[in-house]
Amino acid sequence: KYSLRRKGMVALDSESKMTTVLISGATLENRNFIRAIQQAGSPTMYPLPAEPARFVAGASLSSTPVGELSRKLRQLCGTDPRVLLTMAKLEEDDRQSWVRLAHFMILLANELHEKPSYVG
């Protein structure tokens, strides 16, 4: 079951938990995504929710291989995600760093997709 909510596509998983999913067509290419990098790099101020956002319904970021997260992040923003991890002061060899970066990038992409005139 899927429903479109204000903050993006939301899916209900088998336990009826709501999870944000990347909206089809949402992108961060040629957009200012520094806010997502700042949030990813500030785990105390911006803790991850129990169910982080997802690129696709049914595929949690935690179970997605790092290589696939890297590929999807590059597609989303057009930038090498290892550079983004460095900017966020996150460790490239830490799986949780990739999950944090992907989560906040997905949230921002959905937000900017819903407000196309917003520069970010």
PDB file of N, CA and C in Angstrom:
ATOM      1  N   LYS A   1       0.848  -1.181   0.000  1.00  0.00           N
ATOM      2  CA  LYS A   1       0.000   0.000   0.000  1.00  0.00           C
ATOM      3  C   LYS A   1       0.887   1.236   0.000  1.00  0.00           C
ATOM      4  N   TYR A   2       0.561   2.194  -0.829  1.00  0.00           N
ATOM      5  CA  TYR A   2       1.341   3.422  -0.903  1.00  0.00           C
ATOM      6  C   TYR A   2       0.391   4.605  -0.868  1.00  0.00           C
ATOM      7  N   SER A   3       0.857   5.679  -0.281  1.00  0.00           N
ATOM      8  CA  SER A   3       0.076   6.907  -0.307  1.00  0.00           C
ATOM      9  C   SER A   3       1.035   8.071  -0.420  1.00  0.00           C
ATOM     10  N   LEU A   4       0.652   9.072  -1.170  1.00  0.00           N
ATOM     11  CA  LEU A   4       1.492  10.254  -1.331  1.00  0.00           C
ATOM     12  C   LEU A   4       1.187  11.209  -0.191  1.00  0.00           C
ATOM     13  N   ARG A   5       2.205  11.543   0.575  1.00  0.00           N
ATOM     14  CA  ARG A   5       2.051  12.487   1.678  1.00  0.00           C
ATOM     15  C   ARG A   5       2.890  13.708   1.398  1.00  0.00           C
ATOM     16  N   ARG A   6       2.750  14.694   2.224  1.00  0.00           N
ATOM     17  CA  ARG A   6       3.445  15.970   2.041  1.00  0.00           C
ATOM     18  C   ARG A   6       4.957  15.810   1.930  1.00  0.00           C
ATOM     19  N   LYS A   7       5.558  14.918   2.665  1.00  0.00           N
ATOM     20  CA  LYS A   7       7.007  14.750   2.649  1.00  0.00           C
ATOM     21  C   LYS A   7       7.433  13.622   1.712  1.00  0.00           C
ATOM     22  N   GLY A   8       6.607  13.244   0.776  1.00  0.00           N
ATOM     23  CA  GLY A   8       7.029  12.237  -0.198  1.00  0.00           C
ATOM     24  C   GLY A   8       6.200  10.983  -0.134  1.00  0.00           C
ATOM     25  N   MET A   9       6.599  10.039  -0.948  1.00  0.00           N
ATOM     26  CA  MET A   9       5.902   8.770  -1.010  1.00  0.00           C
ATOM     27  C   MET A   9       6.115   8.043   0.305  1.00  0.00           C
ATOM     28  N   VAL A  10       5.056   7.541   0.877  1.00  0.00           N
ATOM     29  CA  VAL A  10       5.148   6.815   2.136  1.00  0.00           C
ATOM     30  C   VAL A  10       4.605   5.421   1.906  1.00  0.00           C
ATOM     31  N   ALA A  11       5.351   4.419   2.333  1.00  0.00           N
ATOM     32  CA  ALA A  11       4.951   3.031   2.161  1.00  0.00           C
ATOM     33  C   ALA A  11       4.639   2.421   3.520  1.00  0.00           C
ATOM     34  N   LEU A  12       3.704   1.497   3.538  1.00  0.00           N
ATOM     35  CA  LEU A  12       3.432   0.735   4.752  1.00  0.00           C
ATOM     36  C   LEU A  12       4.125  -0.606   4.604  1.00  0.00           C
ATOM     37  N   ASP A  13       5.007  -0.931   5.560  1.00  0.00           N
ATOM     38  CA  ASP A  13       5.669  -2.221   5.479  1.00  0.00           C
ATOM     39  C   ASP A  13       4.815  -3.276   6.179  1.00  0.00           C
ATOM     40  N   SER A  14       5.343  -4.484   6.310  1.00  0.00           N
ATOM     41  CA  SER A  14       4.569  -5.596   6.858  1.00  0.00           C
ATOM     42  C   SER A  14       4.127  -5.349   8.297  1.00  0.00           C
ATOM     43  N   GLU A  15       4.816  -4.482   9.017  1.00  0.00           N
ATOM     44  CA  GLU A  15       4.434  -4.178  10.388  1.00  0.00           C
ATOM     45  C   GLU A  15       3.655  -2.865  10.468  1.00  0.00           C
ATOM     46  N   SER A  16       3.210  -2.358   9.329  1.00  0.00           N
ATOM     47  CA  SER A  16       2.434  -1.119   9.225  1.00  0.00           C
ATOM     48  C   SER A  16       3.190   0.107   9.725  1.00  0.00           C
ATOM     49  N   LYS A  17       4.497   0.083   9.592  1.00  0.00           N
ATOM     50  CA  LYS A  17       5.288   1.265   9.917  1.00  0.00           C
ATOM     51  C   LYS A  17       5.380   2.131   8.667  1.00  0.00           C
ATOM     52  N   MET A  18       5.294   3.431   8.853  1.00  0.00           N
ATOM     53  CA  MET A  18       5.362   4.340   7.716  1.00  0.00           C
ATOM     54  C   MET A  18       6.833   4.630   7.412  1.00  0.00           C
ATOM     55  N   THR A  19       7.176   4.578   6.138  1.00  0.00           N
ATOM     56  CA  THR A  19       8.544   4.806   5.701  1.00  0.00           C
ATOM     57  C   THR A  19       8.531   5.737   4.501  1.00  0.00           C
ATOM     58  N   THR A  20       9.381   6.755   4.507  1.00  0.00           N
ATOM     59  CA  THR A  20       9.498   7.666   3.379  1.00  0.00           C
ATOM     60  C   THR A  20      10.267   6.995   2.255  1.00  0.00           C
ATOM     61  N   VAL A  21       9.751   7.123   1.040  1.00  0.00           N
ATOM     62  CA  VAL A  21      10.371   6.540  -0.152  1.00  0.00           C
ATOM     63  C   VAL A  21      10.643   7.670  -1.148  1.00  0.00           C
ATOM     64  N   LEU A  22      11.773   7.593  -1.840  1.00  0.00           N
ATOM     65  CA  LEU A  22      12.122   8.603  -2.841  1.00  0.00           C
ATOM     66  C   LEU A  22      11.009   8.721  -3.880  1.00  0.00           C
ATOM     67  N   ILE A  23      10.564   9.934  -4.118  1.00  0.00           N
ATOM     68  CA  ILE A  23       9.522  10.201  -5.107  1.00  0.00           C
ATOM     69  C   ILE A  23      10.108  10.002  -6.504  1.00  0.00           C
ATOM     70  N   SER A  24       9.370   9.342  -7.355  1.00  0.00           N
ATOM     71  CA  SER A  24       9.796   9.146  -8.741  1.00  0.00           C
ATOM     72  C   SER A  24      10.037  10.507  -9.393  1.00  0.00           C
ATOM     73  N   GLY A  25      11.193  10.676  -9.988  1.00  0.00           N
ATOM     74  CA  GLY A  25      11.537  11.932 -10.652  1.00  0.00           C
ATOM     75  C   GLY A  25      12.244  12.943  -9.762  1.00  0.00           C
ATOM     76  N   ALA A  26      12.305  12.679  -8.452  1.00  0.00           N
ATOM     77  CA  ALA A  26      13.008  13.598  -7.549  1.00  0.00           C
ATOM     78  C   ALA A  26      14.507  13.488  -7.796  1.00  0.00           C
ATOM     79  N   THR A  27      15.187  14.630  -7.788  1.00  0.00           N
ATOM     80  CA  THR A  27      16.627  14.654  -8.040  1.00  0.00           C
ATOM     81  C   THR A  27      17.268  15.800  -7.273  1.00  0.00           C
ATOM     82  N   LEU A  28      18.564  15.654  -7.054  1.00  0.00           N
ATOM     83  CA  LEU A  28      19.338  16.739  -6.457  1.00  0.00           C
ATOM     84  C   LEU A  28      20.389  17.250  -7.431  1.00  0.00           C
ATOM     85  N   GLU A  29      20.334  16.778  -8.687  1.00  0.00           N
ATOM     86  CA  GLU A  29      21.281  17.271  -9.687  1.00  0.00           C
ATOM     87  C   GLU A  29      21.043  18.761  -9.904  1.00  0.00           C
ATOM     88  N   ASN A  30      22.139  19.515  -9.920  1.00  0.00           N
ATOM     89  CA  ASN A  30      22.096  20.965 -10.111  1.00  0.00           C
ATOM     90  C   ASN A  30      21.283  21.672  -9.025  1.00  0.00           C
ATOM     91  N   ARG A  31      21.233  21.067  -7.838  1.00  0.00           N
ATOM     92  CA  ARG A  31      20.530  21.659  -6.701  1.00  0.00           C
ATOM     93  C   ARG A  31      21.512  21.811  -5.544  1.00  0.00           C
ATOM     94  N   ASN A  32      21.197  22.666  -4.621  1.00  0.00           N
ATOM     95  CA  ASN A  32      22.016  22.863  -3.428  1.00  0.00           C
ATOM     96  C   ASN A  32      21.604  21.814  -2.397  1.00  0.00           C
ATOM     97  N   PHE A  33      22.489  20.865  -2.126  1.00  0.00           N
ATOM     98  CA  PHE A  33      22.155  19.814  -1.162  1.00  0.00           C
ATOM     99  C   PHE A  33      23.054  19.854   0.075  1.00  0.00           C
ATOM    100  N   ILE A  34      23.662  21.007   0.344  1.00  0.00           N
ATOM    101  CA  ILE A  34      24.548  21.137   1.496  1.00  0.00           C
ATOM    102  C   ILE A  34      23.796  20.879   2.808  1.00  0.00           C
ATOM    103  N   ARG A  35      22.525  21.241   2.863  1.00  0.00           N
ATOM    104  CA  ARG A  35      21.741  21.016   4.091  1.00  0.00           C
ATOM    105  C   ARG A  35      21.685  19.529   4.439  1.00  0.00           C
ATOM    106  N   ALA A  36      21.495  18.675   3.445  1.00  0.00           N
ATOM    107  CA  ALA A  36      21.448  17.229   3.688  1.00  0.00           C
ATOM    108  C   ALA A  36      22.803  16.723   4.177  1.00  0.00           C
ATOM    109  N   ILE A  37      23.879  17.269   3.641  1.00  0.00           N
ATOM    110  CA  ILE A  37      25.223  16.870   4.070  1.00  0.00           C
ATOM    111  C   ILE A  37      25.451  17.300   5.517  1.00  0.00           C
ATOM    112  N   GLN A  38      25.015  18.511   5.865  1.00  0.00           N
ATOM    113  CA  GLN A  38      25.155  18.989   7.244  1.00  0.00           C
ATOM    114  C   GLN A  38      24.356  18.108   8.204  1.00  0.00           C
ATOM    115  N   GLN A  39      23.143  17.746   7.812  1.00  0.00           N
ATOM    116  CA  GLN A  39      22.311  16.901   8.667  1.00  0.00           C
ATOM    117  C   GLN A  39      22.925  15.511   8.817  1.00  0.00           C
ATOM    118  N   ALA A  40      23.412  14.950   7.726  1.00  0.00           N
ATOM    119  CA  ALA A  40      24.034  13.623   7.779  1.00  0.00           C
ATOM    120  C   ALA A  40      25.246  13.633   8.703  1.00  0.00           C
ATOM    121  N   GLY A  41      25.987  14.726   8.714  1.00  0.00           N
ATOM    122  CA  GLY A  41      27.190  14.830   9.515  1.00  0.00           C
ATOM    123  C   GLY A  41      26.967  15.245  10.960  1.00  0.00           C
ATOM    124  N   SER A  42      25.707  15.395  11.348  1.00  0.00           N
ATOM    125  CA  SER A  42      25.380  15.818  12.726  1.00  0.00           C
ATOM    126  C   SER A  42      24.447  14.812  13.390  1.00  0.00           C
ATOM    127  N   PRO A  43      24.956  13.614  13.730  1.00  0.00           N
ATOM    128  CA  PRO A  43      24.080  12.570  14.269  1.00  0.00           C
ATOM    129  C   PRO A  43      23.419  12.930  15.601  1.00  0.00           C
ATOM    130  N   THR A  44      24.052  13.777  16.394  1.00  0.00           N
ATOM    131  CA  THR A  44      23.445  14.161  17.674  1.00  0.00           C
ATOM    132  C   THR A  44      22.242  15.063  17.440  1.00  0.00           C
ATOM    133  N   MET A  45      22.400  16.032  16.539  1.00  0.00           N
ATOM    134  CA  MET A  45      21.302  16.960  16.248  1.00  0.00           C
ATOM    135  C   MET A  45      20.239  16.331  15.353  1.00  0.00           C
ATOM    136  N   TYR A  46      20.655  15.415  14.480  1.00  0.00           N
ATOM    137  CA  TYR A  46      19.741  14.804  13.511  1.00  0.00           C
ATOM    138  C   TYR A  46      19.874  13.288  13.571  1.00  0.00           C
ATOM    139  N   PRO A  47      19.318  12.657  14.614  1.00  0.00           N
ATOM    140  CA  PRO A  47      19.404  11.195  14.694  1.00  0.00           C
ATOM    141  C   PRO A  47      18.557  10.540  13.602  1.00  0.00           C
ATOM    142  N   LEU A  48      18.986   9.360  13.182  1.00  0.00           N
ATOM    143  CA  LEU A  48      18.204   8.616  12.198  1.00  0.00           C
ATOM    144  C   LEU A  48      16.942   8.069  12.858  1.00  0.00           C
ATOM    145  N   PRO A  49      15.833   8.077  12.136  1.00  0.00           N
ATOM    146  CA  PRO A  49      14.633   7.444  12.686  1.00  0.00           C
ATOM    147  C   PRO A  49      14.795   5.920  12.667  1.00  0.00           C
ATOM    148  N   ALA A  50      13.913   5.231  13.360  1.00  0.00           N
ATOM    149  CA  ALA A  50      13.952   3.765  13.382  1.00  0.00           C
ATOM    150  C   ALA A  50      13.846   3.199  11.971  1.00  0.00           C
ATOM    151  N   GLU A  51      13.079   3.864  11.123  1.00  0.00           N
ATOM    152  CA  GLU A  51      12.915   3.443   9.730  1.00  0.00           C
ATOM    153  C   GLU A  51      13.421   4.562   8.818  1.00  0.00           C
ATOM    154  N   PRO A  52      14.713   4.546   8.437  1.00  0.00           N
ATOM    155  CA  PRO A  52      15.217   5.587   7.534  1.00  0.00           C
ATOM    156  C   PRO A  52      14.496   5.558   6.190  1.00  0.00           C
ATOM    157  N   ALA A  53      14.586   6.668   5.482  1.00  0.00           N
ATOM    158  CA  ALA A  53      13.989   6.766   4.142  1.00  0.00           C
ATOM    159  C   ALA A  53      14.576   5.680   3.242  1.00  0.00           C
ATOM    160  N   ARG A  54      13.914   5.445   2.120  1.00  0.00           N
ATOM    161  CA  ARG A  54      14.339   4.393   1.184  1.00  0.00           C
ATOM    162  C   ARG A  54      14.348   4.920  -0.240  1.00  0.00           C
ATOM    163  N   PHE A  55      15.203   4.327  -1.046  1.00  0.00           N
ATOM    164  CA  PHE A  55      15.190   4.657  -2.472  1.00  0.00           C
ATOM    165  C   PHE A  55      13.957   4.044  -3.134  1.00  0.00           C
ATOM    166  N   VAL A  56      13.614   2.814  -2.724  1.00  0.00           N
ATOM    167  CA  VAL A  56      12.433   2.126  -3.258  1.00  0.00           C
ATOM    168  C   VAL A  56      11.711   1.431  -2.111  1.00  0.00           C
ATOM    169  N   ALA A  57      10.404   1.308  -2.232  1.00  0.00           N
ATOM    170  CA  ALA A  57       9.610   0.625  -1.214  1.00  0.00           C
ATOM    171  C   ALA A  57      10.075  -0.823  -1.088  1.00  0.00           C
ATOM    172  N   GLY A  58      10.137  -1.305   0.126  1.00  0.00           N
ATOM    173  CA  GLY A  58      10.485  -2.697   0.362  1.00  0.00           C
ATOM    174  C   GLY A  58      11.972  -2.978   0.453  1.00  0.00           C
ATOM    175  N   ALA A  59      12.827  -1.976   0.239  1.00  0.00           N
ATOM    176  CA  ALA A  59      14.280  -2.183   0.282  1.00  0.00           C
ATOM    177  C   ALA A  59      14.888  -1.186   1.262  1.00  0.00           C
ATOM    178  N   SER A  60      15.136  -1.622   2.495  1.00  0.00           N
ATOM    179  CA  SER A  60      15.697  -0.717   3.494  1.00  0.00           C
ATOM    180  C   SER A  60      17.133  -0.346   3.130  1.00  0.00           C
ATOM    181  N   LEU A  61      17.529   0.843   3.546  1.00  0.00           N
ATOM    182  CA  LEU A  61      18.905   1.278   3.295  1.00  0.00           C
ATOM    183  C   LEU A  61      19.891   0.367   4.016  1.00  0.00           C
ATOM    184  N   SER A  62      19.513  -0.106   5.192  1.00  0.00           N
ATOM    185  CA  SER A  62      20.402  -0.956   5.981  1.00  0.00           C
ATOM    186  C   SER A  62      20.712  -2.279   5.295  1.00  0.00           C
ATOM    187  N   SER A  63      19.785  -2.776   4.476  1.00  0.00           N
ATOM    188  CA  SER A  63      20.016  -4.050   3.796  1.00  0.00           C
ATOM    189  C   SER A  63      20.534  -3.871   2.363  1.00  0.00           C
ATOM    190  N   THR A  64      20.642  -2.627   1.914  1.00  0.00           N
ATOM    191  CA  THR A  64      21.145  -2.356   0.560  1.00  0.00           C
ATOM    192  C   THR A  64      22.670  -2.369   0.582  1.00  0.00           C
ATOM    193  N   PRO A  65      23.308  -3.114  -0.323  1.00  0.00           N
ATOM    194  CA  PRO A  65      24.777  -3.129  -0.359  1.00  0.00           C
ATOM    195  C   PRO A  65      25.348  -1.719  -0.561  1.00  0.00           C
ATOM    196  N   VAL A  66      26.500  -1.464   0.045  1.00  0.00           N
ATOM    197  CA  VAL A  66      27.132  -0.144  -0.031  1.00  0.00           C
ATOM    198  C   VAL A  66      27.378   0.264  -1.481  1.00  0.00           C
ATOM    199  N   GLY A  67      27.783  -0.668  -2.331  1.00  0.00           N
ATOM    200  CA  GLY A  67      28.013  -0.347  -3.734  1.00  0.00           C
ATOM    201  C   GLY A  67      26.755   0.167  -4.421  1.00  0.00           C
ATOM    202  N   GLU A  68      25.624  -0.420  -4.068  1.00  0.00           N
ATOM    203  CA  GLU A  68      24.349   0.031  -4.646  1.00  0.00           C
ATOM    204  C   GLU A  68      23.942   1.383  -4.065  1.00  0.00           C
ATOM    205  N   LEU A  69      24.171   1.591  -2.764  1.00  0.00           N
ATOM    206  CA  LEU A  69      23.896   2.908  -2.170  1.00  0.00           C
ATOM    207  C   LEU A  69      24.727   3.984  -2.865  1.00  0.00           C
ATOM    208  N   SER A  70      25.987   3.665  -3.117  1.00  0.00           N
ATOM    209  CA  SER A  70      26.876   4.608  -3.796  1.00  0.00           C
ATOM    210  C   SER A  70      26.345   4.945  -5.184  1.00  0.00           C
ATOM    211  N   ARG A  71      25.942   3.935  -5.933  1.00  0.00           N
ATOM    212  CA  ARG A  71      25.418   4.140  -7.290  1.00  0.00           C
ATOM    213  C   ARG A  71      24.143   4.981  -7.268  1.00  0.00           C
ATOM    214  N   LYS A  72      23.243   4.660  -6.351  1.00  0.00           N
ATOM    215  CA  LYS A  72      21.971   5.389  -6.279  1.00  0.00           C
ATOM    216  C   LYS A  72      22.174   6.835  -5.819  1.00  0.00           C
ATOM    217  N   LEU A  73      23.103   7.043  -4.895  1.00  0.00           N
ATOM    218  CA  LEU A  73      23.399   8.422  -4.465  1.00  0.00           C
ATOM    219  C   LEU A  73      23.985   9.229  -5.618  1.00  0.00           C
ATOM    220  N   ARG A  74      24.883   8.604  -6.384  1.00  0.00           N
ATOM    221  CA  ARG A  74      25.466   9.303  -7.540  1.00  0.00           C
ATOM    222  C   ARG A  74      24.373   9.656  -8.550  1.00  0.00           C
ATOM    223  N   GLN A  75      23.438   8.744  -8.788  1.00  0.00           N
ATOM    224  CA  GLN A  75      22.322   9.026  -9.707  1.00  0.00           C
ATOM    225  C   GLN A  75      21.448  10.150  -9.168  1.00  0.00           C
ATOM    226  N   LEU A  76      21.253  10.178  -7.861  1.00  0.00           N
ATOM    227  CA  LEU A  76      20.379  11.173  -7.251  1.00  0.00           C
ATOM    228  C   LEU A  76      20.950  12.583  -7.328  1.00  0.00           C
ATOM    229  N   CYS A  77      22.261  12.704  -7.110  1.00  0.00           N
ATOM    230  CA  CYS A  77      22.825  14.057  -7.022  1.00  0.00           C
ATOM    231  C   CYS A  77      23.881  14.382  -8.072  1.00  0.00           C
ATOM    232  N   GLY A  78      24.333  13.389  -8.840  1.00  0.00           N
ATOM    233  CA  GLY A  78      25.310  13.654  -9.885  1.00  0.00           C
ATOM    234  C   GLY A  78      26.711  13.921  -9.368  1.00  0.00           C
ATOM    235  N   THR A  79      26.975  13.533  -8.133  1.00  0.00           N
ATOM    236  CA  THR A  79      28.273  13.774  -7.496  1.00  0.00           C
ATOM    237  C   THR A  79      28.772  12.485  -6.864  1.00  0.00           C
ATOM    238  N   ASP A  80      30.088  12.328  -6.811  1.00  0.00           N
ATOM    239  CA  ASP A  80      30.679  11.157  -6.167  1.00  0.00           C
ATOM    240  C   ASP A  80      30.286  11.160  -4.685  1.00  0.00           C
ATOM    241  N   PRO A  81      29.558  10.163  -4.215  1.00  0.00           N
ATOM    242  CA  PRO A  81      29.102  10.169  -2.826  1.00  0.00           C
ATOM    243  C   PRO A  81      30.242  10.075  -1.809  1.00  0.00           C
ATOM    244  N   ARG A  82      31.395   9.566  -2.218  1.00  0.00           N
ATOM    245  CA  ARG A  82      32.540   9.534  -1.294  1.00  0.00           C
ATOM    246  C   ARG A  82      32.979  10.952  -0.944  1.00  0.00           C
ATOM    247  N   VAL A  83      32.866  11.870  -1.891  1.00  0.00           N
ATOM    248  CA  VAL A  83      33.171  13.277  -1.622  1.00  0.00           C
ATOM    249  C   VAL A  83      32.160  13.838  -0.618  1.00  0.00           C
ATOM    250  N   LEU A  84      30.909  13.454  -0.768  1.00  0.00           N
ATOM    251  CA  LEU A  84      29.867  13.932   0.141  1.00  0.00           C
ATOM    252  C   LEU A  84      30.088  13.402   1.550  1.00  0.00           C
ATOM    253  N   LEU A  85      30.505  12.137   1.661  1.00  0.00           N
ATOM    254  CA  LEU A  85      30.816  11.566   2.969  1.00  0.00           C
ATOM    255  C   LEU A  85      31.946  12.354   3.633  1.00  0.00           C
ATOM    256  N   THR A  86      32.962  12.697   2.854  1.00  0.00           N
ATOM    257  CA  THR A  86      34.086  13.481   3.373  1.00  0.00           C
ATOM    258  C   THR A  86      33.605  14.853   3.837  1.00  0.00           C
ATOM    259  N   MET A  87      32.751  15.493   3.036  1.00  0.00           N
ATOM    260  CA  MET A  87      32.215  16.808   3.408  1.00  0.00           C
ATOM    261  C   MET A  87      31.427  16.731   4.722  1.00  0.00           C
ATOM    262  N   ALA A  88      30.724  15.605   4.917  1.00  0.00           N
ATOM    263  CA  ALA A  88      29.919  15.418   6.128  1.00  0.00           C
ATOM    264  C   ALA A  88      30.760  14.916   7.303  1.00  0.00           C
ATOM    265  N   LYS A  89      32.053  14.688   7.049  1.00  0.00           N
ATOM    266  CA  LYS A  89      32.958  14.138   8.069  1.00  0.00           C
ATOM    267  C   LYS A  89      32.488  12.757   8.533  1.00  0.00           C
ATOM    268  N   LEU A  90      32.021  11.972   7.571  1.00  0.00           N
ATOM    269  CA  LEU A  90      31.603  10.602   7.831  1.00  0.00           C
ATOM    270  C   LEU A  90      32.636   9.641   7.257  1.00  0.00           C
ATOM    271  N   GLU A  91      32.696   8.454   7.813  1.00  0.00           N
ATOM    272  CA  GLU A  91      33.669   7.446   7.400  1.00  0.00           C
ATOM    273  C   GLU A  91      33.148   6.619   6.230  1.00  0.00           C
ATOM    274  N   GLU A  92      33.938   6.546   5.166  1.00  0.00           N
ATOM    275  CA  GLU A  92      33.546   5.806   3.965  1.00  0.00           C
ATOM    276  C   GLU A  92      33.395   4.310   4.235  1.00  0.00           C
ATOM    277  N   ASP A  93      34.163   3.779   5.186  1.00  0.00           N
ATOM    278  CA  ASP A  93      34.108   2.344   5.455  1.00  0.00           C
ATOM    279  C   ASP A  93      33.078   1.980   6.532  1.00  0.00           C
ATOM    280  N   ASP A  94      32.273   2.945   6.955  1.00  0.00           N
ATOM    281  CA  ASP A  94      31.219   2.704   7.948  1.00  0.00           C
ATOM    282  C   ASP A  94      29.865   2.666   7.238  1.00  0.00           C
ATOM    283  N   ARG A  95      29.232   1.500   7.261  1.00  0.00           N
ATOM    284  CA  ARG A  95      27.950   1.311   6.583  1.00  0.00           C
ATOM    285  C   ARG A  95      26.910   2.332   7.033  1.00  0.00           C
ATOM    286  N   GLN A  96      26.898   2.640   8.334  1.00  0.00           N
ATOM    287  CA  GLN A  96      25.924   3.583   8.877  1.00  0.00           C
ATOM    288  C   GLN A  96      26.103   4.977   8.281  1.00  0.00           C
ATOM    289  N   SER A  97      27.327   5.334   7.916  1.00  0.00           N
ATOM    290  CA  SER A  97      27.579   6.623   7.261  1.00  0.00           C
ATOM    291  C   SER A  97      26.831   6.696   5.931  1.00  0.00           C
ATOM    292  N   TRP A  98      26.864   5.617   5.171  1.00  0.00           N
ATOM    293  CA  TRP A  98      26.167   5.563   3.882  1.00  0.00           C
ATOM    294  C   TRP A  98      24.657   5.663   4.084  1.00  0.00           C
ATOM    295  N   VAL A  99      24.154   4.978   5.113  1.00  0.00           N
ATOM    296  CA  VAL A  99      22.714   5.018   5.409  1.00  0.00           C
ATOM    297  C   VAL A  99      22.310   6.435   5.797  1.00  0.00           C
ATOM    298  N   ARG A 100      23.100   7.095   6.657  1.00  0.00           N
ATOM    299  CA  ARG A 100      22.796   8.472   7.069  1.00  0.00           C
ATOM    300  C   ARG A 100      22.766   9.406   5.865  1.00  0.00           C
ATOM    301  N   LEU A 101      23.793   9.327   5.028  1.00  0.00           N
ATOM    302  CA  LEU A 101      23.859  10.203   3.867  1.00  0.00           C
ATOM    303  C   LEU A 101      22.664   9.969   2.945  1.00  0.00           C
ATOM    304  N   ALA A 102      22.376   8.719   2.648  1.00  0.00           N
ATOM    305  CA  ALA A 102      21.253   8.406   1.751  1.00  0.00           C
ATOM    306  C   ALA A 102      19.935   8.904   2.330  1.00  0.00           C
ATOM    307  N   HIS A 103      19.716   8.689   3.609  1.00  0.00           N
ATOM    308  CA  HIS A 103      18.459   9.107   4.256  1.00  0.00           C
ATOM    309  C   HIS A 103      18.219  10.606   4.081  1.00  0.00           C
ATOM    310  N   PHE A 104      19.212  11.414   4.435  1.00  0.00           N
ATOM    311  CA  PHE A 104      19.005  12.864   4.374  1.00  0.00           C
ATOM    312  C   PHE A 104      18.973  13.387   2.935  1.00  0.00           C
ATOM    313  N   MET A 105      19.675  12.735   2.031  1.00  0.00           N
ATOM    314  CA  MET A 105      19.614  13.133   0.620  1.00  0.00           C
ATOM    315  C   MET A 105      18.227  12.822   0.043  1.00  0.00           C
ATOM    316  N   ILE A 106      17.658  11.680   0.406  1.00  0.00           N
ATOM    317  CA  ILE A 106      16.311  11.320  -0.063  1.00  0.00           C
ATOM    318  C   ILE A 106      15.282  12.312   0.464  1.00  0.00           C
ATOM    319  N   LEU A 107      15.365  12.641   1.746  1.00  0.00           N
ATOM    320  CA  LEU A 107      14.411  13.604   2.321  1.00  0.00           C
ATOM    321  C   LEU A 107      14.473  14.946   1.601  1.00  0.00           C
ATOM    322  N   LEU A 108      15.683  15.435   1.356  1.00  0.00           N
ATOM    323  CA  LEU A 108      15.823  16.729   0.680  1.00  0.00           C
ATOM    324  C   LEU A 108      15.346  16.647  -0.769  1.00  0.00           C
ATOM    325  N   ALA A 109      15.662  15.569  -1.465  1.00  0.00           N
ATOM    326  CA  ALA A 109      15.206  15.423  -2.850  1.00  0.00           C
ATOM    327  C   ALA A 109      13.685  15.448  -2.918  1.00  0.00           C
ATOM    328  N   ASN A 110      13.029  14.755  -1.996  1.00  0.00           N
ATOM    329  CA  ASN A 110      11.564  14.762  -1.973  1.00  0.00           C
ATOM    330  C   ASN A 110      11.029  16.154  -1.698  1.00  0.00           C
ATOM    331  N   GLU A 111      11.632  16.845  -0.743  1.00  0.00           N
ATOM    332  CA  GLU A 111      11.187  18.197  -0.397  1.00  0.00           C
ATOM    333  C   GLU A 111      11.333  19.144  -1.587  1.00  0.00           C
ATOM    334  N   LEU A 112      12.477  19.112  -2.246  1.00  0.00           N
ATOM    335  CA  LEU A 112      12.705  20.012  -3.375  1.00  0.00           C
ATOM    336  C   LEU A 112      11.844  19.634  -4.580  1.00  0.00           C
ATOM    337  N   HIS A 113      11.528  18.359  -4.707  1.00  0.00           N
ATOM    338  CA  HIS A 113      10.667  17.920  -5.813  1.00  0.00           C
ATOM    339  C   HIS A 113       9.257  18.489  -5.629  1.00  0.00           C
ATOM    340  N   GLU A 114       8.821  18.582  -4.391  1.00  0.00           N
ATOM    341  CA  GLU A 114       7.483  19.099  -4.093  1.00  0.00           C
ATOM    342  C   GLU A 114       7.423  20.625  -4.158  1.00  0.00           C
ATOM    343  N   LYS A 115       8.604  21.271  -4.044  1.00  0.00           N
ATOM    344  CA  LYS A 115       8.684  22.736  -4.112  1.00  0.00           C
ATOM    345  C   LYS A 115       9.693  23.092  -5.190  1.00  0.00           C
ATOM    346  N   PRO A 116       9.354  22.901  -6.462  1.00  0.00           N
ATOM    347  CA  PRO A 116      10.347  23.074  -7.529  1.00  0.00           C
ATOM    348  C   PRO A 116      10.965  24.461  -7.625  1.00  0.00           C
ATOM    349  N   SER A 117      10.284  25.479  -7.143  1.00  0.00           N
ATOM    350  CA  SER A 117      10.866  26.825  -7.253  1.00  0.00           C
ATOM    351  C   SER A 117      11.805  27.136  -6.090  1.00  0.00           C
ATOM    352  N   TYR A 118      11.804  26.255  -5.084  1.00  0.00           N
ATOM    353  CA  TYR A 118      12.666  26.451  -3.905  1.00  0.00           C
ATOM    354  C   TYR A 118      14.089  26.084  -4.278  1.00  0.00           C
ATOM    355  N   VAL A 119      15.038  26.974  -4.033  1.00  0.00           N
ATOM    356  CA  VAL A 119      16.429  26.771  -4.426  1.00  0.00           C
ATOM    357  C   VAL A 119      17.134  25.828  -3.468  1.00  0.00           C
ATOM    358  N   GLY A 120      16.763  25.786  -2.202  1.00  0.00           N
ATOM    359  CA  GLY A 120      17.374  24.872  -1.240  1.00  0.00           C
ATOM    360  C   GLY A 120      18.454  25.553  -0.533  1.00  0.00           C
TER     361      GLY A 120
END
